[in-house]
Amino acid sequence: MRRLLFVSWSAVGLLALLPASGAVAVELPVRKAGLWEMKVLSGGSVPEMTMQQCTDETTDKDMSTAMSPVAKDICSKQEIQKTATGYVTDSVCGIAGVTVKSKAEITGDFNSAYTVKSTSHSEGGRAGANDSTSTIEAKWVGACKADQKPGDIMMPGGMKMNIKDMQKLKALIPKQPAK
């Protein structure tokens, strides 16, 4: 159950990294085309998780454009700033009565490797308040495998999904109550 919650909130955290259409002057670079391995490390009792994603320039750009409306719907704040060493993001997102405030520092060249170090504080829902830290260590491992297409994500346990299908899930996200 903790792993499922971690994966779910990791997805919300990743959404927070995406630029909101027209609202953000700085955008993250597009990753080098090919197969990326992403190791997710988090503090606490959640085990390390490694996944792979096949991507190309079009898919990376499409992911940003397709998912930005989702992030825009659930995030009241999304800021990305360029720094001397990379990028810093600051966001506030909410879903199903839980608010997550997160900050991330992103370093690397997006051609061979990048690292995302994030801290978050969540409030609301059944779990109450919770602080967490996580690190995503991503490295380019080469060309996508023959049975993979851009957008494919290979999760632990062999589950495979395509990021392009995530737009179809937008309708399942509970709407935030009007403030």
C-alpha atoms as a PDB file:
ATOM      1  CA  MET A   1       0.000   0.000   0.000  1.00  0.00           C
ATOM      2  CA  ARG A   2       2.822   2.411   0.865  1.00  0.00           C
ATOM      3  CA  ARG A   3       4.494   1.663  -2.452  1.00  0.00           C
ATOM      4  CA  LEU A   4       1.254   2.381  -4.341  1.00  0.00           C
ATOM      5  CA  LEU A   5       0.863   5.693  -2.481  1.00  0.00           C
ATOM      6  CA  PHE A   6       4.496   6.545  -3.160  1.00  0.00           C
ATOM      7  CA  VAL A   7       4.113   5.802  -6.885  1.00  0.00           C
ATOM      8  CA  SER A   8       0.888   7.844  -7.015  1.00  0.00           C
ATOM      9  CA  TRP A   9       2.399  10.846  -5.275  1.00  0.00           C
ATOM     10  CA  SER A  10       5.572  10.495  -7.332  1.00  0.00           C
ATOM     11  CA  ALA A  11       3.357  10.915 -10.387  1.00  0.00           C
ATOM     12  CA  VAL A  12       1.821  14.065  -8.862  1.00  0.00           C
ATOM     13  CA  GLY A  13       5.338  15.263  -8.086  1.00  0.00           C
ATOM     14  CA  LEU A  14       6.420  14.673 -11.658  1.00  0.00           C
ATOM     15  CA  LEU A  15       3.362  16.545 -12.888  1.00  0.00           C
ATOM     16  CA  ALA A  16       4.459  19.449 -10.752  1.00  0.00           C
ATOM     17  CA  LEU A  17       7.736  19.536 -12.684  1.00  0.00           C
ATOM     18  CA  LEU A  18       5.928  20.083 -15.979  1.00  0.00           C
ATOM     19  CA  PRO A  19       5.507  23.638 -17.169  1.00  0.00           C
ATOM     20  CA  ALA A  20       1.978  25.001 -17.122  1.00  0.00           C
ATOM     21  CA  SER A  21       0.988  26.258 -20.543  1.00  0.00           C
ATOM     22  CA  GLY A  22       1.951  29.887 -20.909  1.00  0.00           C
ATOM     23  CA  ALA A  23       2.429  30.352 -17.155  1.00  0.00           C
ATOM     24  CA  VAL A  24       6.104  29.445 -16.919  1.00  0.00           C
ATOM     25  CA  ALA A  25       8.846  31.374 -18.683  1.00  0.00           C
ATOM     26  CA  VAL A  26      11.476  28.662 -18.082  1.00  0.00           C
ATOM     27  CA  GLU A  27      11.013  25.136 -19.398  1.00  0.00           C
ATOM     28  CA  LEU A  28      13.049  22.055 -18.651  1.00  0.00           C
ATOM     29  CA  PRO A  29      15.237  20.777 -21.509  1.00  0.00           C
ATOM     30  CA  VAL A  30      14.136  17.879 -23.686  1.00  0.00           C
ATOM     31  CA  ARG A  31      15.921  14.632 -22.854  1.00  0.00           C
ATOM     32  CA  LYS A  32      18.113  12.815 -25.362  1.00  0.00           C
ATOM     33  CA  ALA A  33      16.102  10.286 -27.385  1.00  0.00           C
ATOM     34  CA  GLY A  34      16.422   6.663 -26.310  1.00  0.00           C
ATOM     35  CA  LEU A  35      16.066   4.522 -23.208  1.00  0.00           C
ATOM     36  CA  TRP A  36      16.372   6.228 -19.820  1.00  0.00           C
ATOM     37  CA  GLU A  37      16.728   4.340 -16.548  1.00  0.00           C
ATOM     38  CA  MET A  38      15.289   6.170 -13.560  1.00  0.00           C
ATOM     39  CA  LYS A  39      16.122   5.038 -10.046  1.00  0.00           C
ATOM     40  CA  VAL A  40      13.789   6.485  -7.414  1.00  0.00           C
ATOM     41  CA  LEU A  41      15.263   6.636  -3.927  1.00  0.00           C
ATOM     42  CA  SER A  42      13.204   7.832  -1.015  1.00  0.00           C
ATOM     43  CA  GLY A  43      13.741   8.087   2.663  1.00  0.00           C
ATOM     44  CA  GLY A  44      11.768   6.011   5.091  1.00  0.00           C
ATOM     45  CA  SER A  45      10.253   2.608   4.553  1.00  0.00           C
ATOM     46  CA  VAL A  46       9.562   2.881   0.822  1.00  0.00           C
ATOM     47  CA  PRO A  47      11.983   0.642  -1.110  1.00  0.00           C
ATOM     48  CA  GLU A  48      14.130   1.832  -3.989  1.00  0.00           C
ATOM     49  CA  MET A  49      12.328   1.582  -7.328  1.00  0.00           C
ATOM     50  CA  THR A  50      13.877   1.468 -10.806  1.00  0.00           C
ATOM     51  CA  MET A  51      11.949   2.013 -14.020  1.00  0.00           C
ATOM     52  CA  GLN A  52      12.851   2.637 -17.627  1.00  0.00           C
ATOM     53  CA  GLN A  53      11.315   4.998 -20.152  1.00  0.00           C
ATOM     54  CA  CYS A  54      11.701   5.030 -23.918  1.00  0.00           C
ATOM     55  CA  THR A  55      11.505   8.580 -25.232  1.00  0.00           C
ATOM     56  CA  ASP A  56      12.181  10.789 -28.208  1.00  0.00           C
ATOM     57  CA  GLU A  57      12.077  14.564 -28.705  1.00  0.00           C
ATOM     58  CA  THR A  58       8.453  14.575 -29.853  1.00  0.00           C
ATOM     59  CA  THR A  59       7.293  12.430 -26.918  1.00  0.00           C
ATOM     60  CA  ASP A  60       9.122  14.569 -24.354  1.00  0.00           C
ATOM     61  CA  LYS A  61       7.571  17.718 -25.827  1.00  0.00           C
ATOM     62  CA  ASP A  62       4.151  16.058 -26.138  1.00  0.00           C
ATOM     63  CA  MET A  63       4.339  14.863 -22.538  1.00  0.00           C
ATOM     64  CA  SER A  64       4.897  18.414 -21.378  1.00  0.00           C
ATOM     65  CA  THR A  65       2.078  19.775 -23.523  1.00  0.00           C
ATOM     66  CA  ALA A  66      -0.387  16.963 -22.811  1.00  0.00           C
ATOM     67  CA  MET A  67       0.211  16.785 -19.073  1.00  0.00           C
ATOM     68  CA  SER A  68       0.426  20.537 -18.466  1.00  0.00           C
ATOM     69  CA  PRO A  69      -3.368  20.901 -18.481  1.00  0.00           C
ATOM     70  CA  VAL A  70      -3.571  18.151 -15.845  1.00  0.00           C
ATOM     71  CA  ALA A  71      -0.946  19.879 -13.713  1.00  0.00           C
ATOM     72  CA  LYS A  72      -2.678  23.218 -14.289  1.00  0.00           C
ATOM     73  CA  ASP A  73      -5.931  21.703 -12.979  1.00  0.00           C
ATOM     74  CA  ILE A  74      -4.399  20.313  -9.786  1.00  0.00           C
ATOM     75  CA  CYS A  75      -1.531  22.735  -9.074  1.00  0.00           C
ATOM     76  CA  SER A  76      -2.122  26.245  -7.760  1.00  0.00           C
ATOM     77  CA  LYS A  77       1.587  27.080  -7.980  1.00  0.00           C
ATOM     78  CA  GLN A  78       4.224  25.914 -10.464  1.00  0.00           C
ATOM     79  CA  GLU A  79       7.471  27.783 -10.747  1.00  0.00           C
ATOM     80  CA  ILE A  80      10.634  26.768 -12.560  1.00  0.00           C
ATOM     81  CA  GLN A  81      13.791  28.813 -12.302  1.00  0.00           C
ATOM     82  CA  LYS A  82      17.111  28.351 -14.089  1.00  0.00           C
ATOM     83  CA  THR A  83      20.086  28.313 -11.716  1.00  0.00           C
ATOM     84  CA  ALA A  84      23.843  28.201 -12.215  1.00  0.00           C
ATOM     85  CA  THR A  85      23.804  24.420 -11.725  1.00  0.00           C
ATOM     86  CA  GLY A  86      20.455  23.449 -13.267  1.00  0.00           C
ATOM     87  CA  TYR A  87      16.852  24.182 -12.306  1.00  0.00           C
ATOM     88  CA  VAL A  88      14.757  24.644  -9.184  1.00  0.00           C
ATOM     89  CA  THR A  89      11.013  24.005  -9.060  1.00  0.00           C
ATOM     90  CA  ASP A  90       8.474  25.059  -6.445  1.00  0.00           C
ATOM     91  CA  SER A  91       4.904  23.806  -6.570  1.00  0.00           C
ATOM     92  CA  VAL A  92       1.679  23.388  -4.642  1.00  0.00           C
ATOM     93  CA  CYS A  93      -0.680  20.704  -5.944  1.00  0.00           C
ATOM     94  CA  GLY A  94      -3.832  19.130  -4.577  1.00  0.00           C
ATOM     95  CA  ILE A  95      -5.820  16.026  -5.340  1.00  0.00           C
ATOM     96  CA  ALA A  96      -8.555  14.190  -3.433  1.00  0.00           C
ATOM     97  CA  GLY A  97      -8.338  16.558  -0.466  1.00  0.00           C
ATOM     98  CA  VAL A  98      -4.555  16.242  -0.090  1.00  0.00           C
ATOM     99  CA  THR A  99      -2.290  19.250  -0.674  1.00  0.00           C
ATOM    100  CA  VAL A 100       1.350  18.642  -1.580  1.00  0.00           C
ATOM    101  CA  LYS A 101       3.934  21.421  -1.428  1.00  0.00           C
ATOM    102  CA  SER A 102       7.170  20.417  -3.109  1.00  0.00           C
ATOM    103  CA  LYS A 103      10.541  21.823  -4.047  1.00  0.00           C
ATOM    104  CA  ALA A 104      12.996  20.143  -6.392  1.00  0.00           C
ATOM    105  CA  GLU A 105      16.541  20.762  -7.517  1.00  0.00           C
ATOM    106  CA  ILE A 106      17.332  19.366 -10.969  1.00  0.00           C
ATOM    107  CA  THR A 107      20.909  18.981 -12.185  1.00  0.00           C
ATOM    108  CA  GLY A 108      22.514  17.245 -15.140  1.00  0.00           C
ATOM    109  CA  ASP A 109      22.781  17.610 -18.874  1.00  0.00           C
ATOM    110  CA  PHE A 110      19.626  15.692 -20.002  1.00  0.00           C
ATOM    111  CA  ASN A 111      21.837  13.938 -22.601  1.00  0.00           C
ATOM    112  CA  SER A 112      23.600  11.375 -20.434  1.00  0.00           C
ATOM    113  CA  ALA A 113      22.181  11.872 -16.930  1.00  0.00           C
ATOM    114  CA  TYR A 114      20.188  14.101 -14.623  1.00  0.00           C
ATOM    115  CA  THR A 115      19.205  14.070 -10.954  1.00  0.00           C
ATOM    116  CA  VAL A 116      16.063  15.373  -9.279  1.00  0.00           C
ATOM    117  CA  LYS A 117      16.259  15.911  -5.510  1.00  0.00           C
ATOM    118  CA  SER A 118      12.892  16.816  -4.045  1.00  0.00           C
ATOM    119  CA  THR A 119      11.322  17.510  -0.699  1.00  0.00           C
ATOM    120  CA  SER A 120       7.593  17.609  -0.122  1.00  0.00           C
ATOM    121  CA  HIS A 121       5.078  18.241   2.608  1.00  0.00           C
ATOM    122  CA  SER A 122       1.562  16.855   2.292  1.00  0.00           C
ATOM    123  CA  GLU A 123      -1.487  17.652   4.384  1.00  0.00           C
ATOM    124  CA  GLY A 124      -5.016  16.334   4.401  1.00  0.00           C
ATOM    125  CA  GLY A 125      -6.536  12.996   3.629  1.00  0.00           C
ATOM    126  CA  ARG A 126      -6.367   9.943   5.869  1.00  0.00           C
ATOM    127  CA  ALA A 127      -2.607  10.029   6.344  1.00  0.00           C
ATOM    128  CA  GLY A 128      -2.550  13.538   7.825  1.00  0.00           C
ATOM    129  CA  ALA A 129       0.635  15.581   7.518  1.00  0.00           C
ATOM    130  CA  ASN A 130       3.686  13.926   6.020  1.00  0.00           C
ATOM    131  CA  ASP A 131       7.153  15.105   5.000  1.00  0.00           C
ATOM    132  CA  SER A 132       9.185  13.201   2.448  1.00  0.00           C
ATOM    133  CA  THR A 133      12.337  13.405   0.405  1.00  0.00           C
ATOM    134  CA  SER A 134      13.175  11.583  -2.775  1.00  0.00           C
ATOM    135  CA  THR A 135      15.879  11.485  -5.375  1.00  0.00           C
ATOM    136  CA  ILE A 136      15.486  10.414  -8.986  1.00  0.00           C
ATOM    137  CA  GLU A 137      18.760   9.413 -10.597  1.00  0.00           C
ATOM    138  CA  ALA A 138      18.233   9.144 -14.347  1.00  0.00           C
ATOM    139  CA  LYS A 139      20.761   7.935 -16.861  1.00  0.00           C
ATOM    140  CA  TRP A 140      20.624   7.367 -20.586  1.00  0.00           C
ATOM    141  CA  VAL A 141      21.311   3.695 -21.322  1.00  0.00           C
ATOM    142  CA  GLY A 142      21.128   3.637 -25.125  1.00  0.00           C
ATOM    143  CA  ALA A 143      18.597   3.071 -27.839  1.00  0.00           C
ATOM    144  CA  CYS A 144      15.103   1.843 -26.987  1.00  0.00           C
ATOM    145  CA  LYS A 145      14.633  -1.913 -27.242  1.00  0.00           C
ATOM    146  CA  ALA A 146      12.995  -3.380 -30.350  1.00  0.00           C
ATOM    147  CA  ASP A 147       9.666  -3.999 -28.559  1.00  0.00           C
ATOM    148  CA  GLN A 148       9.480  -0.457 -27.139  1.00  0.00           C
ATOM    149  CA  LYS A 149       8.037   2.712 -28.577  1.00  0.00           C
ATOM    150  CA  PRO A 150       8.485   6.301 -27.404  1.00  0.00           C
ATOM    151  CA  GLY A 151       6.431   6.922 -24.270  1.00  0.00           C
ATOM    152  CA  ASP A 152       6.688   3.361 -22.945  1.00  0.00           C
ATOM    153  CA  ILE A 153       7.491   3.126 -19.235  1.00  0.00           C
ATOM    154  CA  MET A 154       8.615  -0.220 -17.864  1.00  0.00           C
ATOM    155  CA  MET A 155       7.716  -0.362 -14.168  1.00  0.00           C
ATOM    156  CA  PRO A 156       9.002  -2.770 -11.516  1.00  0.00           C
ATOM    157  CA  GLY A 157       7.418  -6.194 -11.780  1.00  0.00           C
ATOM    158  CA  GLY A 158       7.220  -5.989 -15.569  1.00  0.00           C
ATOM    159  CA  MET A 159       4.225  -3.667 -15.812  1.00  0.00           C
ATOM    160  CA  LYS A 160       4.407  -1.558 -18.977  1.00  0.00           C
ATOM    161  CA  MET A 161       2.403   1.573 -19.739  1.00  0.00           C
ATOM    162  CA  ASN A 162       2.685   4.381 -22.240  1.00  0.00           C
ATOM    163  CA  ILE A 163       2.797   7.995 -21.084  1.00  0.00           C
ATOM    164  CA  LYS A 164       0.677   8.993 -24.093  1.00  0.00           C
ATOM    165  CA  ASP A 165      -2.199   7.041 -22.511  1.00  0.00           C
ATOM    166  CA  MET A 166      -2.003   9.178 -19.351  1.00  0.00           C
ATOM    167  CA  GLN A 167      -4.032  11.945 -20.992  1.00  0.00           C
ATOM    168  CA  LYS A 168      -6.955   9.492 -21.065  1.00  0.00           C
ATOM    169  CA  LEU A 169      -6.730   9.260 -17.256  1.00  0.00           C
ATOM    170  CA  LYS A 170      -7.265  13.005 -16.797  1.00  0.00           C
ATOM    171  CA  ALA A 171     -11.006  12.485 -16.463  1.00  0.00           C
ATOM    172  CA  LEU A 172     -10.404  10.233 -13.444  1.00  0.00           C
ATOM    173  CA  ILE A 173      -8.643  12.942 -11.402  1.00  0.00           C
ATOM    174  CA  PRO A 174     -11.022  14.346  -8.770  1.00  0.00           C
ATOM    175  CA  LYS A 175     -11.718  18.028  -9.237  1.00  0.00           C
ATOM    176  CA  GLN A 176     -10.517  20.408  -6.539  1.00  0.00           C
ATOM    177  CA  PRO A 177     -13.364  22.205  -4.774  1.00  0.00           C
ATOM    178  CA  ALA A 178     -13.719  25.862  -5.698  1.00  0.00           C
ATOM    179  CA  LYS A 179     -12.134  28.220  -3.192  1.00  0.00           C
END
